[in-house]
Amino acid sequence: TLFGNDVTGYLTAVADGGAEAPALLMVHGAN
């Protein structure tokens, strides 16, 4: 399921207003 989740598409949608920005984001082992 994780492989089917698209982080780039999600963040792009947040930037463009197509998705709500989360109240909390945790980042591990990634930049």
Full PDB file with SEQRES, HELIX, SHEET, SSBOND, CRYST1, ORIGX, SCALE, CONECT and MASTER records, all heavy atoms in Angstrom:
SEQRES   1 A   31  THR LEU PHE GLY ASN ASP VAL THR GLY TYR LEU THR ALA          
SEQRES   2 A   31  VAL ALA ASP GLY GLY ALA GLU ALA PRO ALA LEU LEU MET          
SEQRES   3 A   31  VAL HIS GLY ALA ASN                                          
HELIX    1 AA1 LEU A    2  GLY A    4  5                                   3    
HELIX    2 AA2 VAL A    7  ASP A   16  1                                  10    
CRYST1    1.000    1.000    1.000  90.00  90.00  90.00 P 1           1          
ORIGX1      1.000000  0.000000  0.000000        0.00000                         
ORIGX2      0.000000  1.000000  0.000000        0.00000                         
ORIGX3      0.000000  0.000000  1.000000        0.00000                         
SCALE1      1.000000  0.000000  0.000000        0.00000                         
SCALE2      0.000000  1.000000  0.000000        0.00000                         
SCALE3      0.000000  0.000000  1.000000        0.00000                         
ATOM      1  N   THR A   1       0.825  -1.205   0.000  1.00  0.00           N  
ATOM      2  CA  THR A   1       0.000   0.000   0.000  1.00  0.00           C  
ATOM      3  C   THR A   1       0.857   1.252   0.000  1.00  0.00           C  
ATOM      4  O   THR A   1       0.561   2.234  -0.692  1.00  0.00           O  
ATOM      5  CB  THR A   1      -0.936  -0.002   1.219  1.00  0.00           C  
ATOM      6  OG1 THR A   1      -1.683  -1.220   1.243  1.00  0.00           O  
ATOM      7  CG2 THR A   1      -1.898   1.172   1.172  1.00  0.00           C  
ATOM      8  N   LEU A   2       1.942   1.222   0.778  1.00  0.00           N  
ATOM      9  CA  LEU A   2       2.843   2.375   0.838  1.00  0.00           C  
ATOM     10  C   LEU A   2       3.411   2.711  -0.531  1.00  0.00           C  
ATOM     11  O   LEU A   2       3.537   3.891  -0.891  1.00  0.00           O  
ATOM     12  CB  LEU A   2       3.990   2.088   1.812  1.00  0.00           C  
ATOM     13  CG  LEU A   2       3.742   2.430   3.280  1.00  0.00           C  
ATOM     14  CD1 LEU A   2       4.901   1.934   4.130  1.00  0.00           C  
ATOM     15  CD2 LEU A   2       3.551   3.912   3.475  1.00  0.00           C  
ATOM     16  N   PHE A   3       3.763   1.690  -1.308  1.00  0.00           N  
ATOM     17  CA  PHE A   3       4.306   1.928  -2.639  1.00  0.00           C  
ATOM     18  C   PHE A   3       3.290   2.612  -3.552  1.00  0.00           C  
ATOM     19  O   PHE A   3       3.668   3.254  -4.534  1.00  0.00           O  
ATOM     20  CB  PHE A   3       4.773   0.619  -3.275  1.00  0.00           C  
ATOM     21  CG  PHE A   3       6.063   0.098  -2.706  1.00  0.00           C  
ATOM     22  CD1 PHE A   3       6.346  -1.265  -2.735  1.00  0.00           C  
ATOM     23  CD2 PHE A   3       6.996   0.943  -2.148  1.00  0.00           C  
ATOM     24  CE1 PHE A   3       7.537  -1.756  -2.222  1.00  0.00           C  
ATOM     25  CE2 PHE A   3       8.186   0.464  -1.624  1.00  0.00           C  
ATOM     26  CZ  PHE A   3       8.460  -0.892  -1.659  1.00  0.00           C  
ATOM     27  N   GLY A   4       2.019   2.477  -3.235  1.00  0.00           N  
ATOM     28  CA  GLY A   4       0.990   3.115  -4.039  1.00  0.00           C  
ATOM     29  C   GLY A   4       0.667   4.533  -3.602  1.00  0.00           C  
ATOM     30  O   GLY A   4      -0.122   5.217  -4.260  1.00  0.00           O  
ATOM     31  N   ASN A   5       1.252   4.977  -2.486  1.00  0.00           N  
ATOM     32  CA  ASN A   5       1.050   6.344  -2.007  1.00  0.00           C  
ATOM     33  C   ASN A   5       2.115   7.256  -2.603  1.00  0.00           C  
ATOM     34  O   ASN A   5       3.307   6.970  -2.503  1.00  0.00           O  
ATOM     35  CB  ASN A   5       1.109   6.397  -0.483  1.00  0.00           C  
ATOM     36  CG  ASN A   5      -0.122   5.800   0.169  1.00  0.00           C  
ATOM     37  OD1 ASN A   5      -1.074   5.420  -0.515  1.00  0.00           O  
ATOM     38  ND2 ASN A   5      -0.121   5.713   1.482  1.00  0.00           N  
ATOM     39  N   ASP A   6       1.699   8.344  -3.188  1.00  0.00           N  
ATOM     40  CA  ASP A   6       2.587   9.215  -3.957  1.00  0.00           C  
ATOM     41  C   ASP A   6       2.897  10.489  -3.170  1.00  0.00           C  
ATOM     42  O   ASP A   6       2.067  11.402  -3.093  1.00  0.00           O  
ATOM     43  CB  ASP A   6       1.916   9.556  -5.291  1.00  0.00           C  
ATOM     44  CG  ASP A   6       2.766  10.442  -6.175  1.00  0.00           C  
ATOM     45  OD1 ASP A   6       3.923  10.713  -5.818  1.00  0.00           O  
ATOM     46  OD2 ASP A   6       2.260  10.863  -7.232  1.00  0.00           O  
ATOM     47  N   VAL A   7       4.089  10.559  -2.581  1.00  0.00           N  
ATOM     48  CA  VAL A   7       4.443  11.713  -1.756  1.00  0.00           C  
ATOM     49  C   VAL A   7       4.559  12.985  -2.586  1.00  0.00           C  
ATOM     50  O   VAL A   7       4.152  14.071  -2.155  1.00  0.00           O  
ATOM     51  CB  VAL A   7       5.742  11.442  -0.969  1.00  0.00           C  
ATOM     52  CG1 VAL A   7       6.944  11.253  -1.892  1.00  0.00           C  
ATOM     53  CG2 VAL A   7       6.011  12.573   0.026  1.00  0.00           C  
ATOM     54  N   THR A   8       5.102  12.869  -3.793  1.00  0.00           N  
ATOM     55  CA  THR A   8       5.247  14.054  -4.645  1.00  0.00           C  
ATOM     56  C   THR A   8       3.883  14.608  -5.039  1.00  0.00           C  
ATOM     57  O   THR A   8       3.644  15.823  -4.987  1.00  0.00           O  
ATOM     58  CB  THR A   8       6.059  13.711  -5.900  1.00  0.00           C  
ATOM     59  OG1 THR A   8       7.332  13.192  -5.509  1.00  0.00           O  
ATOM     60  CG2 THR A   8       6.268  14.939  -6.763  1.00  0.00           C  
ATOM     61  N   GLY A   9       2.979  13.716  -5.440  1.00  0.00           N  
ATOM     62  CA  GLY A   9       1.642  14.151  -5.806  1.00  0.00           C  
ATOM     63  C   GLY A   9       0.905  14.786  -4.633  1.00  0.00           C  
ATOM     64  O   GLY A   9       0.196  15.790  -4.796  1.00  0.00           O  
ATOM     65  N   TYR A  10       1.093  14.219  -3.445  1.00  0.00           N  
ATOM     66  CA  TYR A  10       0.430  14.748  -2.252  1.00  0.00           C  
ATOM     67  C   TYR A  10       0.929  16.154  -1.925  1.00  0.00           C  
ATOM     68  O   TYR A  10       0.138  17.087  -1.720  1.00  0.00           O  
ATOM     69  CB  TYR A  10       0.671  13.811  -1.073  1.00  0.00           C  
ATOM     70  CG  TYR A  10       0.232  14.370   0.267  1.00  0.00           C  
ATOM     71  CD1 TYR A  10      -1.113  14.613   0.543  1.00  0.00           C  
ATOM     72  CD2 TYR A  10       1.176  14.654   1.248  1.00  0.00           C  
ATOM     73  CE1 TYR A  10      -1.510  15.123   1.766  1.00  0.00           C  
ATOM     74  CE2 TYR A  10       0.784  15.167   2.480  1.00  0.00           C  
ATOM     75  CZ  TYR A  10      -0.554  15.400   2.736  1.00  0.00           C  
ATOM     76  OH  TYR A  10      -0.936  15.910   3.954  1.00  0.00           O  
ATOM     77  N   LEU A  11       2.243  16.345  -1.893  1.00  0.00           N  
ATOM     78  CA  LEU A  11       2.795  17.651  -1.549  1.00  0.00           C  
ATOM     79  C   LEU A  11       2.487  18.694  -2.627  1.00  0.00           C  
ATOM     80  O   LEU A  11       2.253  19.870  -2.324  1.00  0.00           O  
ATOM     81  CB  LEU A  11       4.295  17.548  -1.311  1.00  0.00           C  
ATOM     82  CG  LEU A  11       4.710  16.751  -0.069  1.00  0.00           C  
ATOM     83  CD1 LEU A  11       6.227  16.634   0.023  1.00  0.00           C  
ATOM     84  CD2 LEU A  11       4.155  17.389   1.198  1.00  0.00           C  
ATOM     85  N   THR A  12       2.483  18.258  -3.883  1.00  0.00           N  
ATOM     86  CA  THR A  12       2.112  19.179  -4.961  1.00  0.00           C  
ATOM     87  C   THR A  12       0.664  19.638  -4.811  1.00  0.00           C  
ATOM     88  O   THR A  12       0.343  20.822  -5.004  1.00  0.00           O  
ATOM     89  CB  THR A  12       2.311  18.512  -6.335  1.00  0.00           C  
ATOM     90  OG1 THR A  12       3.692  18.154  -6.486  1.00  0.00           O  
ATOM     91  CG2 THR A  12       1.926  19.454  -7.458  1.00  0.00           C  
ATOM     92  N   ALA A  13      -0.205  18.701  -4.442  1.00  0.00           N  
ATOM     93  CA  ALA A  13      -1.614  19.056  -4.226  1.00  0.00           C  
ATOM     94  C   ALA A  13      -1.766  20.023  -3.054  1.00  0.00           C  
ATOM     95  O   ALA A  13      -2.576  20.956  -3.100  1.00  0.00           O  
ATOM     96  CB  ALA A  13      -2.446  17.795  -3.986  1.00  0.00           C  
ATOM     97  N   VAL A  14      -0.971  19.814  -2.008  1.00  0.00           N  
ATOM     98  CA  VAL A  14      -1.004  20.739  -0.868  1.00  0.00           C  
ATOM     99  C   VAL A  14      -0.565  22.128  -1.312  1.00  0.00           C  
ATOM    100  O   VAL A  14      -1.175  23.144  -0.968  1.00  0.00           O  
ATOM    101  CB  VAL A  14      -0.108  20.225   0.274  1.00  0.00           C  
ATOM    102  CG1 VAL A  14       0.074  21.299   1.350  1.00  0.00           C  
ATOM    103  CG2 VAL A  14      -0.693  18.964   0.892  1.00  0.00           C  
ATOM    104  N   ALA A  15       0.502  22.181  -2.103  1.00  0.00           N  
ATOM    105  CA  ALA A  15       1.015  23.474  -2.576  1.00  0.00           C  
ATOM    106  C   ALA A  15      -0.004  24.189  -3.455  1.00  0.00           C  
ATOM    107  O   ALA A  15      -0.152  25.419  -3.373  1.00  0.00           O  
ATOM    108  CB  ALA A  15       2.325  23.269  -3.337  1.00  0.00           C  
ATOM    109  N   ASP A  16      -0.712  23.432  -4.300  1.00  0.00           N  
ATOM    110  CA  ASP A  16      -1.656  24.027  -5.244  1.00  0.00           C  
ATOM    111  C   ASP A  16      -3.038  24.260  -4.649  1.00  0.00           C  
ATOM    112  O   ASP A  16      -3.927  24.779  -5.330  1.00  0.00           O  
ATOM    113  CB  ASP A  16      -1.792  23.127  -6.479  1.00  0.00           C  
ATOM    114  CG  ASP A  16      -0.528  23.109  -7.326  1.00  0.00           C  
ATOM    115  OD1 ASP A  16       0.290  24.040  -7.183  1.00  0.00           O  
ATOM    116  OD2 ASP A  16      -0.354  22.158  -8.117  1.00  0.00           O  
ATOM    117  N   GLY A  17      -3.242  23.831  -3.422  1.00  0.00           N  
ATOM    118  CA  GLY A  17      -4.541  24.013  -2.793  1.00  0.00           C  
ATOM    119  C   GLY A  17      -5.517  22.895  -3.042  1.00  0.00           C  
ATOM    120  O   GLY A  17      -6.680  22.981  -2.634  1.00  0.00           O  
ATOM    121  N   GLY A  18      -5.056  21.816  -3.689  1.00  0.00           N  
ATOM    122  CA  GLY A  18      -5.933  20.682  -3.953  1.00  0.00           C  
ATOM    123  C   GLY A  18      -6.054  19.730  -2.793  1.00  0.00           C  
ATOM    124  O   GLY A  18      -6.875  18.802  -2.821  1.00  0.00           O  
ATOM    125  N   ALA A  19      -5.245  19.911  -1.767  1.00  0.00           N  
ATOM    126  CA  ALA A  19      -5.311  19.094  -0.558  1.00  0.00           C  
ATOM    127  C   ALA A  19      -4.958  19.979   0.631  1.00  0.00           C  
ATOM    128  O   ALA A  19      -4.168  20.922   0.507  1.00  0.00           O  
ATOM    129  CB  ALA A  19      -4.348  17.902  -0.635  1.00  0.00           C  
ATOM    130  N   GLU A  20      -5.552  19.676   1.786  1.00  0.00           N  
ATOM    131  CA  GLU A  20      -5.267  20.446   2.989  1.00  0.00           C  
ATOM    132  C   GLU A  20      -3.896  20.064   3.548  1.00  0.00           C  
ATOM    133  O   GLU A  20      -3.533  18.890   3.586  1.00  0.00           O  
ATOM    134  CB  GLU A  20      -6.334  20.179   4.049  1.00  0.00           C  
ATOM    135  CG  GLU A  20      -7.696  20.762   3.726  1.00  0.00           C  
ATOM    136  CD  GLU A  20      -7.684  22.283   3.772  1.00  0.00           C  
ATOM    137  OE1 GLU A  20      -6.939  22.851   4.596  1.00  0.00           O  
ATOM    138  OE2 GLU A  20      -8.413  22.891   2.965  1.00  0.00           O  
ATOM    139  N   ALA A  21      -3.139  21.060   3.970  1.00  0.00           N  
ATOM    140  CA  ALA A  21      -1.863  20.783   4.621  1.00  0.00           C  
ATOM    141  C   ALA A  21      -2.122  20.134   5.976  1.00  0.00           C  
ATOM    142  O   ALA A  21      -3.039  20.546   6.694  1.00  0.00           O  
ATOM    143  CB  ALA A  21      -1.065  22.072   4.791  1.00  0.00           C  
ATOM    144  N   PRO A  22      -1.351  19.119   6.342  1.00  0.00           N  
ATOM    145  CA  PRO A  22      -1.584  18.473   7.637  1.00  0.00           C  
ATOM    146  C   PRO A  22      -1.177  19.383   8.798  1.00  0.00           C  
ATOM    147  O   PRO A  22      -0.316  20.249   8.655  1.00  0.00           O  
ATOM    148  CB  PRO A  22      -0.685  17.233   7.573  1.00  0.00           C  
ATOM    149  CG  PRO A  22       0.422  17.628   6.648  1.00  0.00           C  
ATOM    150  CD  PRO A  22      -0.217  18.521   5.610  1.00  0.00           C  
ATOM    151  N   ALA A  23      -1.808  19.166   9.928  1.00  0.00           N  
ATOM    152  CA  ALA A  23      -1.426  19.923  11.121  1.00  0.00           C  
ATOM    153  C   ALA A  23      -0.071  19.470  11.634  1.00  0.00           C  
ATOM    154  O   ALA A  23       0.665  20.252  12.257  1.00  0.00           O  
ATOM    155  CB  ALA A  23      -2.490  19.746  12.202  1.00  0.00           C  
ATOM    156  N   LEU A  24       0.267  18.212  11.365  1.00  0.00           N  
ATOM    157  CA  LEU A  24       1.516  17.638  11.866  1.00  0.00           C  
ATOM    158  C   LEU A  24       2.138  16.771  10.786  1.00  0.00           C  
ATOM    159  O   LEU A  24       1.447  15.961  10.159  1.00  0.00           O  
ATOM    160  CB  LEU A  24       1.242  16.787  13.113  1.00  0.00           C  
ATOM    161  CG  LEU A  24       2.430  16.043  13.732  1.00  0.00           C  
ATOM    162  CD1 LEU A  24       3.446  17.024  14.296  1.00  0.00           C  
ATOM    163  CD2 LEU A  24       1.951  15.088  14.829  1.00  0.00           C  
ATOM    164  N   LEU A  25       3.434  16.949  10.547  1.00  0.00           N  
ATOM    165  CA  LEU A  25       4.177  16.116   9.604  1.00  0.00           C  
ATOM    166  C   LEU A  25       5.417  15.588  10.294  1.00  0.00           C  
ATOM    167  O   LEU A  25       6.221  16.358  10.836  1.00  0.00           O  
ATOM    168  CB  LEU A  25       4.585  16.918   8.366  1.00  0.00           C  
ATOM    169  CG  LEU A  25       5.537  16.223   7.386  1.00  0.00           C  
ATOM    170  CD1 LEU A  25       4.860  15.011   6.747  1.00  0.00           C  
ATOM    171  CD2 LEU A  25       6.039  17.182   6.315  1.00  0.00           C  
ATOM    172  N   MET A  26       5.590  14.255  10.281  1.00  0.00           N  
ATOM    173  CA  MET A  26       6.788  13.628  10.836  1.00  0.00           C  
ATOM    174  C   MET A  26       7.628  13.076   9.693  1.00  0.00           C  
ATOM    175  O   MET A  26       7.120  12.367   8.827  1.00  0.00           O  
ATOM    176  CB  MET A  26       6.412  12.509  11.815  1.00  0.00           C  
ATOM    177  CG  MET A  26       5.693  13.012  13.060  1.00  0.00           C  
ATOM    178  SD  MET A  26       5.548  11.751  14.352  1.00  0.00           S  
ATOM    179  CE  MET A  26       4.396  10.617  13.586  1.00  0.00           C  
ATOM    180  N   VAL A  27       8.918  13.394   9.711  1.00  0.00           N  
ATOM    181  CA  VAL A  27       9.835  12.979   8.648  1.00  0.00           C  
ATOM    182  C   VAL A  27      10.967  12.168   9.267  1.00  0.00           C  
ATOM    183  O   VAL A  27      11.643  12.631  10.199  1.00  0.00           O  
ATOM    184  CB  VAL A  27      10.413  14.199   7.903  1.00  0.00           C  
ATOM    185  CG1 VAL A  27      11.323  13.736   6.761  1.00  0.00           C  
ATOM    186  CG2 VAL A  27       9.294  15.084   7.365  1.00  0.00           C  
ATOM    187  N   HIS A  28      11.173  10.967   8.719  1.00  0.00           N  
ATOM    188  CA  HIS A  28      12.227  10.088   9.237  1.00  0.00           C  
ATOM    189  C   HIS A  28      13.048   9.526   8.090  1.00  0.00           C  
ATOM    190  O   HIS A  28      12.506   9.003   7.113  1.00  0.00           O  
ATOM    191  CB  HIS A  28      11.624   8.924  10.037  1.00  0.00           C  
ATOM    192  CG  HIS A  28      12.632   7.875  10.404  1.00  0.00           C  
ATOM    193  ND1 HIS A  28      12.791   6.710   9.695  1.00  0.00           N  
ATOM    194  CD2 HIS A  28      13.557   7.845  11.396  1.00  0.00           C  
ATOM    195  CE1 HIS A  28      13.762   5.996  10.241  1.00  0.00           C  
ATOM    196  NE2 HIS A  28      14.240   6.658  11.274  1.00  0.00           N  
ATOM    197  N   GLY A  29      14.377   9.624   8.194  1.00  0.00           N  
ATOM    198  CA  GLY A  29      15.258   9.009   7.195  1.00  0.00           C  
ATOM    199  C   GLY A  29      15.064   9.561   5.811  1.00  0.00           C  
ATOM    200  O   GLY A  29      15.347   8.868   4.824  1.00  0.00           O  
ATOM    201  N   ALA A  30      14.595  10.792   5.697  1.00  0.00           N  
ATOM    202  CA  ALA A  30      14.262  11.373   4.395  1.00  0.00           C  
ATOM    203  C   ALA A  30      14.567  12.864   4.417  1.00  0.00           C  
ATOM    204  O   ALA A  30      14.568  13.501   5.475  1.00  0.00           O  
ATOM    205  CB  ALA A  30      12.789  11.142   4.067  1.00  0.00           C  
ATOM    206  N   ASN A  31      14.777  13.405   3.227  1.00  0.00           N  
ATOM    207  CA  ASN A  31      15.065  14.830   3.090  1.00  0.00           C  
ATOM    208  C   ASN A  31      14.218  15.413   1.949  1.00  0.00           C  
ATOM    209  O   ASN A  31      14.745  15.808   0.908  1.00  0.00           O  
ATOM    210  CB  ASN A  31      16.555  15.038   2.826  1.00  0.00           C  
ATOM    211  CG  ASN A  31      16.986  16.485   2.926  1.00  0.00           C  
ATOM    212  OD1 ASN A  31      16.211  17.352   3.337  1.00  0.00           O  
ATOM    213  ND2 ASN A  31      18.218  16.767   2.546  1.00  0.00           N  
TER     214      ASN A  31                                                      
MASTER        0    0    0    2    0    0    0    6  213    1    0    3          
END                                                                             
